[in-house]
């Protein structure tokens, strides 16, 4: 029995040692786009300036406590010796050990409140972007702002595009449950709550693409609800705005893309909007997602191929090589790379075709048929459309024209 117990103790020590090594190794990642220790803007720098000294103090205290505990365990472990004399309370020591942590927390609180008030400031922001979260993607609505060349509203999804060196105010809300918007390189988290508008400041120091993640559990595909902020130089941002406001260009007559446009009108326009798209009778093709999806909204696909992700930034529109070229581009050319959009050569055909073939198989949206029935038969996300491979090829050709 004793030998079994010794073996179990040794095995437990080995497991704990392996776990400790794994934790240390996991903290040394170099390719970590959501690393909170790499601020890329003044707002995230405020947070970083606060967390570093607090982390250092906490680390020192943690080390002292760990050494004291280990020393006590080794020196006073049970060797069969008599139970030591028991004492009841040392007021001076207890008061001291209460006052010291209280003073440390009071100092931390002073600097924390200062940081919170700085991050909550909104009267100096220069641009407004309305952000709406829903299961499981983010919508970006740019209201008219003549100083940035936005003469008509721009609606996009998946990737927020902003000019460098500009104080951007996000006005966040939600259409369904509570979500939380977080791009670590640019600021902390802010909940998107149904029926309320929460504000969050963003500002990027240099052009680049910054990754983020929904941080409030919001359903089956919570882990897939990502976002990206694309920071462009002011000149490149002006080009992006001009392209987003460009008129719709119909596919060439008798082309595969024109056939795809017909498939889109028959299948996709029930939920998705493409601004400027016209029906055969000359009337605008207006989406009616409130009749087809539970949330009453689906991503606006106008200029889809000017983005490089789809399905709530869960999947890439660009092939891995082309996406790496955009993500890893030097700051002075990242705008040029991003504004090039998605070409046929760089298109991630595999994932896009799989999505059109059977979206629910790629992104969990319902636990079972009972949940679907509870919504009155409406889909929370993109449904299975039973498209033929021929229809998928036509749709891909059409979507490639939406630049």
Foldseek 3Di string as FASTA:
>chain_A
DVVVVVVVVVVVVVVVVVVVVVVVVVVPDDPDLQDLCAAFEDASVLVNVLVVVVVVVVVVVVVVVVVVVVVCCVVVPDPPDDDDDDDDDDVVVVVVVVVVVVVVVVVSVVSVVVSVVVFQDDPPADAEWEWEAAVAWIKIWGCQDVVLPQNHIFIFIQEAEEEAPGWYKYWAAYLPAKWWWQQSNFHGIDIHYHPHTDIGIGHGHFFAKGKIATDDDDDDQRRLQIHIYGYAHSVLSSVVSVLSPDADDADDPPDLLNVLLVVCLVPVQCAEAAPNDADPVGHHSHHALVVAALSRHDGHLQLVQLAQADDNNSGGQFDPVLVCCLRVPPRVCNSVSSRVGDAPVGGPLVVQLVCLQAVCVVGPFDPDVVVCVVSVNHHNYDGHPNDDPSSSVSNVSNSNSND
